[in-house]
Amino acid sequence: MTIKTIDLATINAQDVLDLILFLTPADRHWLTEQLNRLDADEPLPSQATLEEAIQLYLADSCSLAKAADLAGITRWELQDILYERGAPVHACNDSDSVAELDQRAADFWANSPGVHGA
């Protein structure tokens, strides 16, 4: 197998298609869904019912954490609900940055009376 070097300054659609051949079928499916979502350009709502949030998550329109946030519950509460319903929970679906996680921790410690963070 020969690996082609691709210059990001000159990459074209054919180069991308050539690279897709190296993806697993599951990754190709995921990529197709992502490209379809870009075409749809539908923004997520600012809030949702639990059922709507679950539908968005199961459609891979948002992460588990984002779906929980839309429904006004924690990620772990939503994960438990999905497990109870026998729905798939994708552990690697969330992509919170370190900065987002740090902010959540800071918010937690700031709003926890009587608890002092390190």
Protein backbone atom coordinates (compact mmCIF):
# COMPACT_ATOMS: atom_id res chain seq x y z
CA MET A 1 0.00 0.00 0.00
CA THR A 2 1.29 3.43 -0.92
CA ILE A 3 0.36 6.44 1.16
CA LYS A 4 -0.01 9.65 -0.75
CA THR A 5 1.23 12.88 0.81
CA ILE A 6 -1.42 15.57 0.67
CA ASP A 7 -0.63 19.25 0.88
CA LEU A 8 -3.43 20.94 2.83
CA ALA A 9 -2.94 24.08 0.78
CA THR A 10 -3.83 22.23 -2.43
CA ILE A 11 -6.17 19.46 -1.23
CA ASN A 12 -9.12 18.86 -3.51
CA ALA A 13 -12.34 16.84 -3.42
CA GLN A 14 -10.73 13.84 -5.14
CA ASP A 15 -8.00 13.71 -2.49
CA VAL A 16 -10.69 13.61 0.19
CA LEU A 17 -12.55 10.84 -1.62
CA ASP A 18 -9.34 8.84 -1.94
CA LEU A 19 -8.78 9.11 1.82
CA ILE A 20 -12.33 7.98 2.57
CA LEU A 21 -11.49 4.57 1.12
CA PHE A 22 -9.28 3.97 4.17
CA LEU A 23 -12.13 4.54 6.65
CA THR A 24 -14.14 1.76 8.23
CA PRO A 25 -17.76 1.43 7.10
CA ALA A 26 -18.89 2.90 10.43
CA ASP A 27 -16.60 5.91 10.00
CA ARG A 28 -17.81 6.41 6.42
CA HIS A 29 -21.40 6.35 7.69
CA TRP A 30 -20.53 8.89 10.38
CA LEU A 31 -18.81 11.14 7.84
CA THR A 32 -21.83 10.94 5.53
CA GLU A 33 -24.12 11.97 8.40
CA GLN A 34 -21.84 14.88 9.27
CA LEU A 35 -21.78 16.10 5.66
CA ASN A 36 -25.57 15.79 5.44
CA ARG A 37 -25.90 17.82 8.61
CA LEU A 38 -23.69 20.55 7.14
CA ASP A 39 -25.95 20.70 4.11
CA ALA A 40 -29.06 20.89 6.28
CA ASP A 41 -27.52 23.71 8.35
CA GLU A 42 -30.18 23.36 11.03
CA PRO A 43 -29.08 24.93 14.31
CA LEU A 44 -29.85 23.17 17.56
CA PRO A 45 -32.60 24.66 19.71
CA SER A 46 -31.63 26.52 22.89
CA GLN A 47 -33.70 24.08 24.94
CA ALA A 48 -35.69 20.92 24.33
CA THR A 49 -37.95 18.45 26.05
CA LEU A 50 -36.35 15.25 27.23
CA GLU A 51 -37.83 13.36 24.28
CA GLU A 52 -36.60 15.97 21.77
CA ALA A 53 -33.12 15.93 23.31
CA ILE A 54 -33.01 12.13 23.11
CA GLN A 55 -34.06 12.26 19.45
CA LEU A 56 -31.32 14.79 18.68
CA TYR A 57 -28.73 12.62 20.43
CA LEU A 58 -29.86 9.38 18.78
CA ALA A 59 -29.82 11.12 15.40
CA ASP A 60 -26.20 12.07 16.19
CA SER A 61 -27.13 15.74 15.92
CA CYS A 62 -25.44 16.55 19.21
CA SER A 63 -23.35 15.01 21.95
CA LEU A 64 -24.76 13.33 25.02
CA ALA A 65 -23.70 16.30 27.14
CA LYS A 66 -25.35 18.78 24.75
CA ALA A 67 -28.59 16.76 24.67
CA ALA A 68 -28.65 16.69 28.46
CA ASP A 69 -28.02 20.43 28.58
CA LEU A 70 -30.89 21.04 26.14
CA ALA A 71 -33.20 18.97 28.36
CA GLY A 72 -32.01 20.67 31.54
CA ILE A 73 -30.56 17.54 33.16
CA THR A 74 -27.06 16.23 33.73
CA ARG A 75 -25.19 14.07 31.25
CA TRP A 76 -25.27 11.20 33.75
CA GLU A 77 -29.04 11.47 34.25
CA LEU A 78 -29.56 11.31 30.50
CA GLN A 79 -27.15 8.39 30.23
CA ASP A 80 -29.13 6.50 32.90
CA ILE A 81 -32.41 7.22 31.07
CA LEU A 82 -30.95 5.93 27.81
CA TYR A 83 -29.66 2.77 29.52
CA GLU A 84 -33.09 2.18 31.07
CA ARG A 85 -34.68 2.46 27.63
CA GLY A 86 -32.10 0.21 26.04
CA ALA A 87 -30.93 3.02 23.76
CA PRO A 88 -27.29 3.17 22.66
CA VAL A 89 -24.94 5.40 24.61
CA HIS A 90 -21.78 6.36 22.78
CA ALA A 91 -19.08 7.10 25.33
CA CYS A 92 -16.88 8.89 22.79
CA ASN A 93 -19.60 11.11 21.38
CA ASP A 94 -18.78 14.04 23.64
CA SER A 95 -16.11 16.46 22.62
CA ASP A 96 -15.90 18.94 25.50
CA SER A 97 -12.68 20.86 25.41
CA VAL A 98 -10.41 21.09 28.42
CA ALA A 99 -11.46 24.73 28.79
CA GLU A 100 -15.15 23.70 28.89
CA LEU A 101 -14.44 21.04 31.49
CA ASP A 102 -12.40 23.50 33.56
CA GLN A 103 -15.26 26.00 33.41
CA ARG A 104 -17.78 23.36 34.52
CA ALA A 105 -15.55 22.44 37.45
CA ALA A 106 -15.12 26.10 38.41
CA ASP A 107 -18.91 26.62 38.20
CA PHE A 108 -19.48 23.56 40.36
CA TRP A 109 -17.07 24.70 43.06
CA ALA A 110 -18.40 28.27 42.97
CA ASN A 111 -21.99 27.03 43.46
CA SER A 112 -21.26 24.41 46.13
CA PRO A 113 -21.82 26.00 49.56
CA GLY A 114 -19.51 24.69 52.25
CA VAL A 115 -17.31 22.86 49.75
CA HIS A 116 -13.92 24.28 48.94
CA GLY A 117 -12.04 23.29 45.79
CA ALA A 118 -8.35 22.77 45.60
